[in-house]
Amino acid sequence: MSISMSKVSSCEVSECVYNRDKKCHTLAITVGNTTSPSCDTYMKHEKKGGDSDTIGGVGACKTEICQFNKNFECRAESIIVGKQNNNPECKTFKK
């Protein structure tokens, strides 16, 4: 059985190295830990990274308590990354 990777439809964390025009331009991000849906791929740098032709996906989700997490894979159609308490997090997270 083949599954498709959930896409990052929007990223509100403008200072991230992979963010250009509110889009994530890395191949895949990793989300969270067992209790927090943080964007573990977030990196701040003066240069931009990633490929402008690439739209990021969710490679792994370590936040087991999310309803979209199935065997550490995200099953949401797409996600939004934004800030929660000044930290980049998956805003699509649902307990």
N, C-alpha and C. Protein backbone atom coordinates (compact mmCIF):
# COMPACT_ATOMS: atom_id res chain seq x y z
N MET A 1 0.84 -1.18 0.00
CA MET A 1 0.00 0.00 0.00
C MET A 1 0.88 1.24 0.00
N SER A 2 0.57 2.17 -0.84
CA SER A 2 1.32 3.41 -0.94
C SER A 2 0.55 4.54 -0.26
N ILE A 3 1.27 5.35 0.48
CA ILE A 3 0.65 6.52 1.10
C ILE A 3 1.36 7.77 0.61
N SER A 4 0.66 8.88 0.61
CA SER A 4 1.29 10.12 0.20
C SER A 4 1.64 10.94 1.44
N MET A 5 2.68 11.71 1.31
CA MET A 5 3.16 12.52 2.41
C MET A 5 2.26 13.75 2.59
N SER A 6 1.88 14.04 3.83
CA SER A 6 1.12 15.26 4.13
C SER A 6 1.98 16.47 3.77
N LYS A 7 1.39 17.46 3.16
CA LYS A 7 2.12 18.66 2.74
C LYS A 7 1.99 19.76 3.79
N VAL A 8 2.99 20.63 3.82
CA VAL A 8 2.94 21.84 4.64
C VAL A 8 2.30 22.90 3.74
N SER A 9 1.01 23.16 3.96
CA SER A 9 0.29 24.08 3.08
C SER A 9 0.66 25.54 3.32
N SER A 10 1.10 25.85 4.54
CA SER A 10 1.48 27.21 4.88
C SER A 10 2.40 27.19 6.09
N CYS A 11 3.34 28.12 6.10
CA CYS A 11 4.24 28.28 7.25
C CYS A 11 4.28 29.75 7.61
N GLU A 12 3.90 30.04 8.84
CA GLU A 12 3.84 31.42 9.33
C GLU A 12 5.12 31.84 10.05
N VAL A 13 6.12 30.97 10.07
CA VAL A 13 7.37 31.24 10.78
C VAL A 13 8.37 31.81 9.77
N SER A 14 8.26 33.10 9.51
CA SER A 14 9.00 33.75 8.43
C SER A 14 10.51 33.71 8.60
N GLU A 15 11.01 33.63 9.81
CA GLU A 15 12.46 33.64 10.02
C GLU A 15 13.12 32.28 9.79
N CYS A 16 12.33 31.25 9.52
CA CYS A 16 12.90 29.91 9.27
C CYS A 16 13.66 29.92 7.94
N VAL A 17 14.78 29.25 7.92
CA VAL A 17 15.63 29.18 6.74
C VAL A 17 14.89 28.61 5.52
N TYR A 18 13.90 27.75 5.75
CA TYR A 18 13.17 27.11 4.65
C TYR A 18 11.92 27.86 4.22
N ASN A 19 11.58 28.97 4.88
CA ASN A 19 10.36 29.70 4.59
C ASN A 19 10.62 30.79 3.55
N ARG A 20 9.87 30.71 2.46
CA ARG A 20 9.84 31.77 1.45
C ARG A 20 8.39 32.01 1.11
N ASP A 21 7.93 33.22 1.30
CA ASP A 21 6.56 33.60 0.97
C ASP A 21 5.53 32.69 1.63
N LYS A 22 5.76 32.36 2.90
CA LYS A 22 4.86 31.54 3.72
C LYS A 22 4.71 30.11 3.22
N LYS A 23 5.69 29.64 2.46
CA LYS A 23 5.74 28.25 2.00
C LYS A 23 7.01 27.61 2.52
N CYS A 24 6.91 26.33 2.84
CA CYS A 24 8.05 25.56 3.33
C CYS A 24 8.74 24.91 2.14
N HIS A 25 10.05 25.15 2.00
CA HIS A 25 10.79 24.68 0.83
C HIS A 25 11.89 23.69 1.18
N THR A 26 11.59 22.75 2.06
CA THR A 26 12.48 21.63 2.30
C THR A 26 11.74 20.37 1.89
N LEU A 27 12.44 19.29 1.65
CA LEU A 27 11.77 18.06 1.23
C LEU A 27 10.77 17.58 2.26
N ALA A 28 11.19 17.57 3.53
CA ALA A 28 10.31 17.07 4.59
C ALA A 28 10.70 17.66 5.94
N ILE A 29 9.70 17.85 6.79
CA ILE A 29 9.95 18.28 8.16
C ILE A 29 9.65 17.12 9.11
N THR A 30 10.17 17.24 10.31
CA THR A 30 9.85 16.32 11.39
C THR A 30 9.07 17.12 12.42
N VAL A 31 7.97 16.56 12.88
CA VAL A 31 7.13 17.24 13.87
C VAL A 31 7.29 16.56 15.21
N GLY A 32 7.58 17.38 16.21
CA GLY A 32 7.40 17.08 17.59
C GLY A 32 8.17 16.06 18.37
N ASN A 33 7.59 15.85 19.54
CA ASN A 33 8.03 14.82 20.47
C ASN A 33 6.77 14.16 20.99
N THR A 34 6.83 13.44 22.06
CA THR A 34 5.64 12.70 22.50
C THR A 34 4.50 13.59 22.96
N THR A 35 4.77 14.83 23.36
CA THR A 35 3.69 15.69 23.86
C THR A 35 3.53 17.02 23.13
N SER A 36 4.52 17.45 22.38
CA SER A 36 4.48 18.77 21.74
C SER A 36 4.66 18.65 20.23
N PRO A 37 3.80 19.33 19.44
CA PRO A 37 3.91 19.25 17.98
C PRO A 37 4.85 20.31 17.39
N SER A 38 6.04 20.45 17.96
CA SER A 38 6.98 21.45 17.48
C SER A 38 7.55 21.05 16.11
N CYS A 39 7.96 22.05 15.35
CA CYS A 39 8.61 21.79 14.07
C CYS A 39 10.09 21.59 14.37
N ASP A 40 10.53 20.34 14.39
CA ASP A 40 11.92 20.03 14.73
C ASP A 40 12.88 20.40 13.61
N THR A 41 12.38 20.74 12.43
CA THR A 41 13.22 21.10 11.30
C THR A 41 13.51 22.60 11.27
N TYR A 42 12.81 23.37 12.08
CA TYR A 42 13.00 24.82 12.14
C TYR A 42 14.46 25.17 12.37
N MET A 43 14.95 26.12 11.58
CA MET A 43 16.32 26.60 11.73
C MET A 43 16.35 28.07 11.33
N LYS A 44 16.98 28.87 12.16
CA LYS A 44 17.10 30.30 11.87
C LYS A 44 18.50 30.56 11.34
N HIS A 45 18.58 31.28 10.22
CA HIS A 45 19.86 31.61 9.60
C HIS A 45 19.65 32.80 8.69
N GLU A 46 20.70 33.58 8.43
CA GLU A 46 20.52 34.74 7.56
C GLU A 46 20.34 34.34 6.09
N LYS A 47 20.83 33.16 5.71
CA LYS A 47 20.64 32.67 4.35
C LYS A 47 19.40 31.78 4.29
N LYS A 48 18.77 31.73 3.14
CA LYS A 48 17.63 30.84 2.93
C LYS A 48 18.14 29.50 2.39
N GLY A 49 17.46 28.44 2.76
CA GLY A 49 17.84 27.10 2.33
C GLY A 49 16.72 26.44 1.57
N GLY A 50 16.93 25.20 1.23
CA GLY A 50 15.91 24.44 0.52
C GLY A 50 15.88 24.80 -0.95
N ASP A 51 14.95 24.20 -1.65
CA ASP A 51 14.78 24.37 -3.08
C ASP A 51 13.47 25.11 -3.33
N SER A 52 13.52 26.20 -4.05
CA SER A 52 12.31 27.02 -4.27
C SER A 52 11.22 26.27 -5.03
N ASP A 53 11.56 25.20 -5.73
CA ASP A 53 10.56 24.41 -6.46
C ASP A 53 9.93 23.33 -5.60
N THR A 54 10.42 23.15 -4.38
CA THR A 54 9.94 22.10 -3.48
C THR A 54 8.95 22.66 -2.48
N ILE A 55 7.87 21.96 -2.26
CA ILE A 55 6.93 22.28 -1.19
C ILE A 55 7.07 21.18 -0.15
N GLY A 56 7.36 21.58 1.09
CA GLY A 56 7.66 20.63 2.16
C GLY A 56 6.52 19.68 2.50
N GLY A 57 6.90 18.53 2.95
CA GLY A 57 5.96 17.54 3.45
C GLY A 57 6.32 17.17 4.87
N VAL A 58 5.51 16.34 5.49
CA VAL A 58 5.78 15.88 6.85
C VAL A 58 6.38 14.48 6.74
N GLY A 59 7.68 14.39 7.01
CA GLY A 59 8.37 13.11 6.90
C GLY A 59 8.09 12.21 8.08
N ALA A 60 8.01 12.77 9.27
CA ALA A 60 7.75 12.00 10.48
C ALA A 60 7.03 12.88 11.49
N CYS A 61 6.17 12.24 12.26
CA CYS A 61 5.50 12.93 13.36
C CYS A 61 5.70 12.10 14.62
N LYS A 62 6.38 12.70 15.59
CA LYS A 62 6.67 12.00 16.84
C LYS A 62 5.64 12.30 17.93
N THR A 63 4.60 13.08 17.59
CA THR A 63 3.59 13.46 18.57
C THR A 63 2.46 12.45 18.54
N GLU A 64 2.62 11.38 19.29
CA GLU A 64 1.68 10.25 19.27
C GLU A 64 0.26 10.62 19.66
N ILE A 65 0.08 11.67 20.47
CA ILE A 65 -1.26 12.01 20.96
C ILE A 65 -2.10 12.77 19.94
N CYS A 66 -1.55 13.06 18.76
CA CYS A 66 -2.32 13.76 17.73
C CYS A 66 -3.23 12.77 17.01
N GLN A 67 -4.46 13.18 16.73
CA GLN A 67 -5.41 12.30 16.06
C GLN A 67 -4.99 11.97 14.62
N PHE A 68 -4.11 12.77 14.03
CA PHE A 68 -3.65 12.51 12.66
C PHE A 68 -2.42 11.60 12.61
N ASN A 69 -1.85 11.26 13.77
CA ASN A 69 -0.65 10.42 13.83
C ASN A 69 -1.03 8.94 13.76
N LYS A 70 -0.53 8.27 12.76
CA LYS A 70 -0.72 6.83 12.61
C LYS A 70 0.65 6.20 12.42
N ASN A 71 1.11 5.48 13.43
CA ASN A 71 2.43 4.82 13.36
C ASN A 71 3.56 5.80 13.06
N PHE A 72 3.49 6.98 13.67
CA PHE A 72 4.50 8.05 13.55
C PHE A 72 4.54 8.69 12.17
N GLU A 73 3.46 8.56 11.42
CA GLU A 73 3.29 9.23 10.13
C GLU A 73 2.08 10.16 10.24
N CYS A 74 2.16 11.32 9.61
CA CYS A 74 1.04 12.27 9.61
C CYS A 74 0.05 11.86 8.53
N ARG A 75 -1.22 11.78 8.91
CA ARG A 75 -2.27 11.41 7.97
C ARG A 75 -3.22 12.58 7.67
N ALA A 76 -2.86 13.79 8.12
CA ALA A 76 -3.65 14.97 7.74
C ALA A 76 -3.42 15.23 6.26
N GLU A 77 -4.41 15.76 5.58
CA GLU A 77 -4.23 16.08 4.16
C GLU A 77 -3.09 17.08 3.98
N SER A 78 -3.05 18.08 4.85
CA SER A 78 -1.99 19.08 4.87
C SER A 78 -1.92 19.68 6.27
N ILE A 79 -0.83 20.38 6.56
CA ILE A 79 -0.69 21.02 7.86
C ILE A 79 -0.29 22.47 7.68
N ILE A 80 -0.48 23.23 8.75
CA ILE A 80 -0.02 24.62 8.83
C ILE A 80 0.96 24.69 9.99
N VAL A 81 2.09 25.33 9.75
CA VAL A 81 3.07 25.56 10.81
C VAL A 81 2.98 27.02 11.21
N GLY A 82 2.90 27.27 12.49
CA GLY A 82 2.84 28.63 13.02
C GLY A 82 3.53 28.69 14.35
N LYS A 83 3.35 29.79 15.05
CA LYS A 83 4.00 29.93 16.36
C LYS A 83 3.00 29.74 17.49
N GLN A 84 3.44 29.02 18.49
CA GLN A 84 2.68 28.81 19.74
C GLN A 84 3.68 29.08 20.86
N ASN A 85 3.39 30.06 21.70
CA ASN A 85 4.33 30.44 22.77
C ASN A 85 5.72 30.72 22.20
N ASN A 86 5.77 31.39 21.08
CA ASN A 86 7.00 31.78 20.38
C ASN A 86 7.83 30.60 19.85
N ASN A 87 7.22 29.43 19.73
CA ASN A 87 7.88 28.25 19.18
C ASN A 87 7.17 27.81 17.91
N PRO A 88 7.92 27.37 16.88
CA PRO A 88 7.28 26.88 15.66
C PRO A 88 6.60 25.53 15.94
N GLU A 89 5.30 25.45 15.66
CA GLU A 89 4.53 24.23 15.93
C GLU A 89 3.53 23.95 14.82
N CYS A 90 3.12 22.70 14.76
CA CYS A 90 2.07 22.29 13.83
C CYS A 90 0.73 22.77 14.39
N LYS A 91 0.10 23.71 13.66
CA LYS A 91 -1.20 24.24 14.12
C LYS A 91 -2.36 23.32 13.75
N THR A 92 -2.10 22.29 12.97
CA THR A 92 -3.12 21.33 12.60
C THR A 92 -3.30 20.26 13.69
N PHE A 93 -2.38 20.21 14.62
CA PHE A 93 -2.40 19.25 15.73
C PHE A 93 -3.76 19.23 16.41
N LYS A 94 -4.28 18.03 16.64
CA LYS A 94 -5.53 17.84 17.39
C LYS A 94 -5.31 16.66 18.32
N LYS A 95 -5.53 16.89 19.60
CA LYS A 95 -5.36 15.85 20.61
C LYS A 95 -6.43 14.80 20.50
